[in-house]
Amino acid sequence: MLPSVFVCGVLAALLTAARCELIKVCIEDDDNLRVDCRVKAKANQISSYQFSWSSGSKESLINANVSGLPAESRFRGKSEVTELEPHGYRMTLKGFTDKLLHNTTYLCKITGAGASVTVERDQLVRCCAVSLILQNCWSVGLLLFFHVTHA
């Protein structure tokens, strides 16, 4: 009984400590920049997305599937977007990690709802499985649920 209580306590602490952020930015093993946007689209609307970054007062559009919003020419062909389950999108940007400004705000909008996060270049983390699991409140919650129900 004591080990189960201990494991549940540790998992609960991780869940509390994990920041449930709508947008996460990290560097992949191949040095590509990855932005996960977990904004939930509004119901009964076609899902659209926009990814951009800003430094100071200048915002630069990286990728969008919205008609009439072209990405800046320096980003064309350098980024790709994939859909995430259960909701959201992941944008991967190739060849820009060495060109990142010191303090950058990453923005994403999905069907009108949006999120942003400001990250200093020196504080960008690697996208590793352990850090992503700890950052994802749903996975820690599921681990806690399965442990409790199967103990």
N, C-alpha and C. Protein backbone atom coordinates (compact mmCIF):
# COMPACT_ATOMS: atom_id res chain seq x y z
N MET A 1 0.83 -1.20 0.00
CA MET A 1 0.00 0.00 0.00
C MET A 1 0.87 1.26 0.00
N LEU A 2 1.94 1.25 0.80
CA LEU A 2 2.81 2.41 0.87
C LEU A 2 3.43 2.76 -0.48
N PRO A 3 3.92 1.77 -1.28
CA PRO A 3 4.48 2.15 -2.58
C PRO A 3 3.44 2.84 -3.48
N SER A 4 2.20 2.38 -3.46
CA SER A 4 1.16 2.99 -4.29
C SER A 4 0.91 4.43 -3.86
N VAL A 5 0.86 4.66 -2.57
CA VAL A 5 0.65 6.03 -2.07
C VAL A 5 1.82 6.91 -2.48
N PHE A 6 3.03 6.39 -2.37
CA PHE A 6 4.21 7.15 -2.74
C PHE A 6 4.19 7.50 -4.23
N VAL A 7 3.91 6.51 -5.09
CA VAL A 7 3.89 6.74 -6.53
C VAL A 7 2.80 7.75 -6.88
N CYS A 8 1.62 7.63 -6.27
CA CYS A 8 0.54 8.58 -6.53
C CYS A 8 0.94 9.99 -6.10
N GLY A 9 1.63 10.07 -4.96
CA GLY A 9 2.08 11.38 -4.49
C GLY A 9 3.08 12.01 -5.44
N VAL A 10 4.03 11.21 -5.93
CA VAL A 10 5.02 11.72 -6.88
C VAL A 10 4.34 12.16 -8.18
N LEU A 11 3.44 11.33 -8.69
CA LEU A 11 2.75 11.69 -9.93
C LEU A 11 1.89 12.94 -9.75
N ALA A 12 1.24 13.06 -8.60
CA ALA A 12 0.43 14.25 -8.34
C ALA A 12 1.32 15.50 -8.27
N ALA A 13 2.49 15.37 -7.67
CA ALA A 13 3.43 16.50 -7.60
C ALA A 13 3.90 16.89 -9.01
N LEU A 14 4.18 15.88 -9.84
CA LEU A 14 4.58 16.17 -11.22
C LEU A 14 3.46 16.86 -11.97
N LEU A 15 2.25 16.40 -11.77
CA LEU A 15 1.11 17.00 -12.45
C LEU A 15 0.93 18.44 -12.02
N THR A 16 1.11 18.70 -10.73
CA THR A 16 0.98 20.06 -10.23
C THR A 16 2.10 20.94 -10.76
N ALA A 17 3.32 20.39 -10.82
CA ALA A 17 4.47 21.16 -11.27
C ALA A 17 4.47 21.37 -12.78
N ALA A 18 3.88 20.43 -13.51
CA ALA A 18 3.89 20.54 -14.97
C ALA A 18 3.04 21.73 -15.39
N ARG A 19 3.59 22.53 -16.26
CA ARG A 19 2.85 23.68 -16.74
C ARG A 19 2.02 23.26 -17.93
N CYS A 20 0.73 23.40 -17.81
CA CYS A 20 -0.19 23.04 -18.89
C CYS A 20 -0.28 24.23 -19.83
N GLU A 21 0.68 24.34 -20.71
CA GLU A 21 0.72 25.48 -21.61
C GLU A 21 0.09 25.12 -22.94
N LEU A 22 -0.51 26.11 -23.56
CA LEU A 22 -1.14 25.89 -24.86
C LEU A 22 -0.12 25.88 -25.99
N ILE A 23 1.03 26.47 -25.76
CA ILE A 23 2.06 26.53 -26.79
C ILE A 23 3.40 26.17 -26.17
N LYS A 24 4.12 25.27 -26.84
CA LYS A 24 5.43 24.83 -26.36
C LYS A 24 6.43 24.96 -27.51
N VAL A 25 7.63 25.40 -27.18
CA VAL A 25 8.67 25.62 -28.18
C VAL A 25 9.90 24.84 -27.74
N CYS A 26 10.49 24.08 -28.67
CA CYS A 26 11.71 23.33 -28.36
C CYS A 26 12.52 23.10 -29.63
N ILE A 27 13.74 22.59 -29.45
CA ILE A 27 14.64 22.28 -30.56
C ILE A 27 14.70 20.77 -30.71
N GLU A 28 14.43 20.27 -31.92
CA GLU A 28 14.48 18.83 -32.19
C GLU A 28 15.92 18.37 -32.32
N ASP A 29 16.12 17.05 -32.34
CA ASP A 29 17.47 16.47 -32.44
C ASP A 29 18.20 16.93 -33.70
N ASP A 30 17.46 17.20 -34.78
CA ASP A 30 18.10 17.65 -36.02
C ASP A 30 18.22 19.18 -36.08
N ASP A 31 18.07 19.84 -34.92
CA ASP A 31 18.19 21.30 -34.77
C ASP A 31 17.08 22.10 -35.43
N ASN A 32 15.96 21.46 -35.76
CA ASN A 32 14.80 22.19 -36.25
C ASN A 32 14.04 22.77 -35.06
N LEU A 33 13.42 23.91 -35.27
CA LEU A 33 12.60 24.53 -34.24
C LEU A 33 11.21 23.92 -34.31
N ARG A 34 10.66 23.54 -33.17
CA ARG A 34 9.32 22.94 -33.13
C ARG A 34 8.43 23.76 -32.22
N VAL A 35 7.24 24.07 -32.72
CA VAL A 35 6.24 24.81 -31.95
C VAL A 35 4.97 23.97 -31.93
N ASP A 36 4.58 23.52 -30.73
CA ASP A 36 3.33 22.78 -30.57
C ASP A 36 2.27 23.73 -30.06
N CYS A 37 1.17 23.82 -30.77
CA CYS A 37 0.07 24.71 -30.41
C CYS A 37 -1.14 23.85 -30.08
N ARG A 38 -1.50 23.81 -28.81
CA ARG A 38 -2.61 22.96 -28.33
C ARG A 38 -3.88 23.76 -28.10
N VAL A 39 -4.05 24.84 -28.85
CA VAL A 39 -5.27 25.63 -28.76
C VAL A 39 -6.40 24.83 -29.38
N LYS A 40 -7.52 24.77 -28.69
CA LYS A 40 -8.67 24.02 -29.19
C LYS A 40 -9.49 24.92 -30.11
N ALA A 41 -9.76 24.42 -31.31
CA ALA A 41 -10.53 25.19 -32.28
C ALA A 41 -11.97 25.34 -31.81
N LYS A 42 -12.61 26.42 -32.26
CA LYS A 42 -14.01 26.62 -31.93
C LYS A 42 -14.84 25.56 -32.63
N ALA A 43 -15.88 25.09 -31.94
CA ALA A 43 -16.73 24.03 -32.48
C ALA A 43 -17.46 24.49 -33.74
N ASN A 44 -17.72 23.54 -34.61
CA ASN A 44 -18.51 23.75 -35.83
C ASN A 44 -17.89 24.75 -36.80
N GLN A 45 -16.57 24.86 -36.80
CA GLN A 45 -15.88 25.72 -37.75
C GLN A 45 -14.73 24.94 -38.39
N ILE A 46 -14.44 25.29 -39.63
CA ILE A 46 -13.30 24.68 -40.30
C ILE A 46 -12.04 25.17 -39.59
N SER A 47 -11.16 24.25 -39.26
CA SER A 47 -9.96 24.59 -38.48
C SER A 47 -8.92 25.26 -39.37
N SER A 48 -8.50 26.45 -38.94
CA SER A 48 -7.43 27.16 -39.63
C SER A 48 -6.32 27.42 -38.62
N TYR A 49 -5.09 27.62 -39.11
CA TYR A 49 -3.97 27.89 -38.22
C TYR A 49 -3.08 28.98 -38.78
N GLN A 50 -2.37 29.65 -37.85
CA GLN A 50 -1.35 30.63 -38.19
C GLN A 50 -0.23 30.50 -37.16
N PHE A 51 1.00 30.44 -37.63
CA PHE A 51 2.17 30.44 -36.76
C PHE A 51 3.02 31.65 -37.12
N SER A 52 3.45 32.38 -36.10
CA SER A 52 4.31 33.54 -36.33
C SER A 52 5.22 33.74 -35.13
N TRP A 53 6.19 34.62 -35.30
CA TRP A 53 7.03 35.02 -34.17
C TRP A 53 7.22 36.52 -34.23
N SER A 54 7.54 37.08 -33.09
CA SER A 54 7.79 38.52 -33.06
C SER A 54 8.92 38.83 -32.11
N SER A 55 9.58 39.91 -32.42
CA SER A 55 10.62 40.44 -31.55
C SER A 55 10.46 41.95 -31.63
N GLY A 56 10.26 42.58 -30.49
CA GLY A 56 9.93 43.99 -30.52
C GLY A 56 8.53 44.18 -31.05
N SER A 57 8.36 45.08 -32.00
CA SER A 57 7.03 45.34 -32.54
C SER A 57 6.78 44.66 -33.89
N LYS A 58 7.76 43.94 -34.41
CA LYS A 58 7.61 43.30 -35.73
C LYS A 58 7.19 41.84 -35.58
N GLU A 59 6.03 41.50 -36.17
CA GLU A 59 5.55 40.12 -36.20
C GLU A 59 5.77 39.55 -37.60
N SER A 60 6.32 38.34 -37.67
CA SER A 60 6.61 37.69 -38.95
C SER A 60 5.80 36.42 -39.06
N LEU A 61 5.01 36.31 -40.12
CA LEU A 61 4.20 35.12 -40.36
C LEU A 61 5.07 34.00 -40.93
N ILE A 62 5.07 32.85 -40.26
CA ILE A 62 5.90 31.72 -40.68
C ILE A 62 5.11 30.76 -41.56
N ASN A 63 3.88 30.41 -41.12
CA ASN A 63 3.08 29.45 -41.87
C ASN A 63 1.62 29.65 -41.51
N ALA A 64 0.73 29.50 -42.49
CA ALA A 64 -0.71 29.62 -42.25
C ALA A 64 -1.45 28.89 -43.36
N ASN A 65 -2.64 28.42 -43.03
CA ASN A 65 -3.50 27.83 -44.06
C ASN A 65 -4.72 28.72 -44.30
N VAL A 66 -4.57 30.00 -44.00
CA VAL A 66 -5.63 30.98 -44.17
C VAL A 66 -5.41 31.68 -45.51
N SER A 67 -6.43 31.69 -46.33
CA SER A 67 -6.35 32.32 -47.64
C SER A 67 -6.02 33.80 -47.49
N GLY A 68 -5.09 34.28 -48.29
CA GLY A 68 -4.72 35.68 -48.27
C GLY A 68 -3.66 36.05 -47.24
N LEU A 69 -3.16 35.07 -46.50
CA LEU A 69 -2.10 35.32 -45.52
C LEU A 69 -0.85 34.55 -45.92
N PRO A 70 -0.06 35.08 -46.83
CA PRO A 70 1.16 34.35 -47.24
C PRO A 70 2.26 34.48 -46.19
N ALA A 71 3.02 33.41 -46.03
CA ALA A 71 4.19 33.44 -45.14
C ALA A 71 5.24 34.36 -45.75
N GLU A 72 6.07 34.92 -44.88
CA GLU A 72 7.17 35.74 -45.40
C GLU A 72 8.06 34.88 -46.29
N SER A 73 8.65 35.48 -47.30
CA SER A 73 9.42 34.73 -48.29
C SER A 73 10.55 33.93 -47.67
N ARG A 74 11.19 34.42 -46.61
CA ARG A 74 12.30 33.69 -46.00
C ARG A 74 11.86 32.39 -45.33
N PHE A 75 10.55 32.23 -45.07
CA PHE A 75 10.05 31.02 -44.42
C PHE A 75 9.42 30.03 -45.40
N ARG A 76 9.16 30.45 -46.63
CA ARG A 76 8.50 29.57 -47.60
C ARG A 76 9.36 28.35 -47.89
N GLY A 77 8.74 27.18 -47.79
CA GLY A 77 9.45 25.93 -48.03
C GLY A 77 10.33 25.49 -46.87
N LYS A 78 10.36 26.23 -45.79
CA LYS A 78 11.21 25.90 -44.63
C LYS A 78 10.41 25.36 -43.46
N SER A 79 9.08 25.44 -43.54
CA SER A 79 8.27 24.98 -42.41
C SER A 79 7.20 24.02 -42.89
N GLU A 80 6.79 23.16 -41.97
CA GLU A 80 5.67 22.27 -42.26
C GLU A 80 4.81 22.17 -41.01
N VAL A 81 3.52 21.94 -41.21
CA VAL A 81 2.58 21.88 -40.11
C VAL A 81 1.84 20.55 -40.17
N THR A 82 1.73 19.89 -39.02
CA THR A 82 0.97 18.64 -38.92
C THR A 82 -0.06 18.79 -37.80
N GLU A 83 -1.16 18.06 -37.94
CA GLU A 83 -2.22 18.12 -36.95
C GLU A 83 -1.87 17.23 -35.76
N LEU A 84 -2.20 17.69 -34.56
CA LEU A 84 -1.98 16.93 -33.33
C LEU A 84 -3.30 16.38 -32.82
N GLU A 85 -3.26 15.25 -32.17
CA GLU A 85 -4.44 14.67 -31.54
C GLU A 85 -4.42 14.97 -30.06
N PRO A 86 -5.46 15.28 -29.39
CA PRO A 86 -6.84 15.36 -29.87
C PRO A 86 -7.15 16.69 -30.55
N HIS A 87 -6.30 17.72 -30.36
CA HIS A 87 -6.50 18.98 -31.05
C HIS A 87 -5.18 19.75 -31.08
N GLY A 88 -5.08 20.62 -32.05
CA GLY A 88 -3.90 21.46 -32.18
C GLY A 88 -3.06 21.13 -33.39
N TYR A 89 -1.96 21.88 -33.54
CA TYR A 89 -1.06 21.72 -34.67
C TYR A 89 0.39 21.84 -34.21
N ARG A 90 1.28 21.20 -34.94
CA ARG A 90 2.73 21.28 -34.71
C ARG A 90 3.38 21.88 -35.94
N MET A 91 4.15 22.94 -35.73
CA MET A 91 4.89 23.56 -36.81
C MET A 91 6.38 23.28 -36.59
N THR A 92 7.04 22.81 -37.64
CA THR A 92 8.48 22.56 -37.61
C THR A 92 9.13 23.51 -38.60
N LEU A 93 10.13 24.24 -38.12
CA LEU A 93 10.84 25.22 -38.95
C LEU A 93 12.29 24.78 -39.10
N LYS A 94 12.73 24.61 -40.34
CA LYS A 94 14.08 24.12 -40.62
C LYS A 94 15.04 25.28 -40.86
N GLY A 95 16.24 25.15 -40.30
CA GLY A 95 17.33 26.06 -40.63
C GLY A 95 17.28 27.44 -40.01
N PHE A 96 16.60 27.60 -38.89
CA PHE A 96 16.51 28.93 -38.31
C PHE A 96 17.00 29.02 -36.87
N THR A 97 17.43 27.91 -36.27
CA THR A 97 17.82 27.97 -34.86
C THR A 97 19.04 28.86 -34.64
N ASP A 98 19.91 28.98 -35.63
CA ASP A 98 21.07 29.85 -35.47
C ASP A 98 20.73 31.32 -35.76
N LYS A 99 19.53 31.58 -36.27
CA LYS A 99 19.12 32.94 -36.61
C LYS A 99 18.11 33.51 -35.62
N LEU A 100 17.82 32.77 -34.55
CA LEU A 100 16.83 33.24 -33.58
C LEU A 100 17.35 34.46 -32.84
N LEU A 101 16.46 35.41 -32.63
CA LEU A 101 16.80 36.59 -31.86
C LEU A 101 16.86 36.22 -30.39
N HIS A 102 17.48 37.07 -29.58
CA HIS A 102 17.68 36.76 -28.16
C HIS A 102 16.37 36.50 -27.43
N ASN A 103 15.38 37.33 -27.66
CA ASN A 103 14.11 37.22 -26.96
C ASN A 103 12.99 37.22 -28.00
N THR A 104 12.35 36.07 -28.18
CA THR A 104 11.37 35.92 -29.24
C THR A 104 10.03 35.48 -28.67
N THR A 105 8.95 36.07 -29.17
CA THR A 105 7.61 35.64 -28.80
C THR A 105 7.07 34.78 -29.94
N TYR A 106 6.65 33.57 -29.60
CA TYR A 106 6.07 32.64 -30.58
C TYR A 106 4.56 32.70 -30.42
N LEU A 107 3.86 32.82 -31.55
CA LEU A 107 2.42 32.96 -31.52
C LEU A 107 1.77 31.91 -32.40
N CYS A 108 0.61 31.43 -31.98
CA CYS A 108 -0.18 30.56 -32.84
C CYS A 108 -1.65 30.93 -32.66
N LYS A 109 -2.39 30.80 -33.73
CA LYS A 109 -3.83 31.03 -33.72
C LYS A 109 -4.48 29.87 -34.43
N ILE A 110 -5.51 29.33 -33.82
CA ILE A 110 -6.27 28.25 -34.44
C ILE A 110 -7.73 28.67 -34.41
N THR A 111 -8.30 28.85 -35.61
CA THR A 111 -9.69 29.24 -35.79
C THR A 111 -10.08 30.36 -34.83
N GLY A 112 -9.30 31.42 -34.84
CA GLY A 112 -9.64 32.61 -34.07
C GLY A 112 -9.12 32.64 -32.64
N ALA A 113 -8.87 31.49 -32.02
CA ALA A 113 -8.32 31.47 -30.66
C ALA A 113 -6.81 31.42 -30.77
N GLY A 114 -6.12 32.03 -29.81
CA GLY A 114 -4.67 32.08 -29.93
C GLY A 114 -3.94 31.91 -28.62
N ALA A 115 -2.63 31.75 -28.74
CA ALA A 115 -1.75 31.64 -27.58
C ALA A 115 -0.39 32.16 -27.99
N SER A 116 0.37 32.58 -26.99
CA SER A 116 1.74 33.04 -27.26
C SER A 116 2.61 32.72 -26.07
N VAL A 117 3.90 32.62 -26.32
CA VAL A 117 4.88 32.40 -25.25
C VAL A 117 6.16 33.11 -25.68
N THR A 118 6.81 33.75 -24.73
CA THR A 118 8.08 34.41 -24.99
C THR A 118 9.20 33.53 -24.46
N VAL A 119 10.19 33.27 -25.32
CA VAL A 119 11.29 32.38 -24.96
C VAL A 119 12.61 33.07 -25.29
N GLU A 120 13.53 33.03 -24.36
CA GLU A 120 14.87 33.52 -24.63
C GLU A 120 15.65 32.43 -25.36
N ARG A 121 16.43 32.81 -26.34
CA ARG A 121 17.17 31.85 -27.17
C ARG A 121 17.98 30.88 -26.32
N ASP A 122 18.62 31.37 -25.27
CA ASP A 122 19.45 30.51 -24.43
C ASP A 122 18.65 29.56 -23.57
N GLN A 123 17.34 29.75 -23.47
CA GLN A 123 16.50 28.90 -22.63
C GLN A 123 15.67 27.90 -23.43
N LEU A 124 15.88 27.84 -24.74
CA LEU A 124 15.18 26.84 -25.55
C LEU A 124 15.70 25.45 -25.15
N VAL A 125 14.78 24.52 -24.94
CA VAL A 125 15.16 23.18 -24.51
C VAL A 125 15.06 22.20 -25.68
N ARG A 126 15.74 21.10 -25.55
CA ARG A 126 15.65 20.01 -26.52
C ARG A 126 14.30 19.31 -26.37
N CYS A 127 13.76 18.84 -27.48
CA CYS A 127 12.49 18.11 -27.46
C CYS A 127 12.80 16.65 -27.15
N CYS A 128 12.89 16.31 -25.89
CA CYS A 128 13.13 14.91 -25.53
C CYS A 128 11.86 14.33 -24.94
N ALA A 129 11.72 13.04 -24.99
CA ALA A 129 10.50 12.37 -24.56
C ALA A 129 10.16 12.66 -23.10
N VAL A 130 11.15 12.63 -22.21
CA VAL A 130 10.87 12.83 -20.79
C VAL A 130 10.37 14.24 -20.53
N SER A 131 11.02 15.26 -21.11
CA SER A 131 10.58 16.62 -20.85
C SER A 131 9.21 16.88 -21.43
N LEU A 132 8.91 16.28 -22.59
CA LEU A 132 7.60 16.48 -23.19
C LEU A 132 6.51 15.78 -22.40
N ILE A 133 6.81 14.62 -21.83
CA ILE A 133 5.81 13.94 -21.00
C ILE A 133 5.53 14.78 -19.76
N LEU A 134 6.58 15.32 -19.14
CA LEU A 134 6.39 16.12 -17.94
C LEU A 134 5.69 17.44 -18.24
N GLN A 135 5.86 17.96 -19.45
CA GLN A 135 5.20 19.20 -19.82
C GLN A 135 3.74 18.97 -20.18
N ASN A 136 3.38 17.76 -20.49
CA ASN A 136 2.03 17.47 -20.95
C ASN A 136 1.18 16.97 -19.79
N CYS A 137 0.31 17.81 -19.30
CA CYS A 137 -0.51 17.47 -18.14
C CYS A 137 -1.38 16.25 -18.39
N TRP A 138 -1.83 16.07 -19.63
CA TRP A 138 -2.70 14.93 -19.93
C TRP A 138 -1.96 13.62 -19.73
N SER A 139 -0.71 13.53 -20.17
CA SER A 139 0.01 12.26 -20.01
C SER A 139 0.28 11.94 -18.56
N VAL A 140 0.65 12.94 -17.78
CA VAL A 140 0.89 12.70 -16.36
C VAL A 140 -0.42 12.30 -15.68
N GLY A 141 -1.50 12.95 -16.03
CA GLY A 141 -2.80 12.60 -15.47
C GLY A 141 -3.21 11.17 -15.82
N LEU A 142 -2.95 10.76 -17.07
CA LEU A 142 -3.26 9.39 -17.47
C LEU A 142 -2.40 8.38 -16.72
N LEU A 143 -1.12 8.69 -16.54
CA LEU A 143 -0.26 7.80 -15.76
C LEU A 143 -0.79 7.64 -14.35
N LEU A 144 -1.20 8.74 -13.76
CA LEU A 144 -1.76 8.69 -12.40
C LEU A 144 -3.04 7.87 -12.38
N PHE A 145 -3.92 8.09 -13.34
CA PHE A 145 -5.19 7.35 -13.41
C PHE A 145 -4.94 5.85 -13.55
N PHE A 146 -4.09 5.46 -14.50
CA PHE A 146 -3.84 4.02 -14.72
C PHE A 146 -3.15 3.37 -13.52
N HIS A 147 -2.28 4.10 -12.87
CA HIS A 147 -1.63 3.52 -11.71
C HIS A 147 -2.64 3.27 -10.59
N VAL A 148 -3.50 4.25 -10.34
CA VAL A 148 -4.48 4.12 -9.26
C VAL A 148 -5.49 3.02 -9.56
N THR A 149 -5.96 2.94 -10.81
CA THR A 149 -6.97 1.94 -11.15
C THR A 149 -6.42 0.53 -11.26
N HIS A 150 -5.12 0.40 -11.48
CA HIS A 150 -4.54 -0.95 -11.62
C HIS A 150 -3.71 -1.36 -10.40
N ALA A 151 -3.74 -0.57 -9.36
CA ALA A 151 -2.97 -0.91 -8.15
C ALA A 151 -3.76 -1.82 -7.23
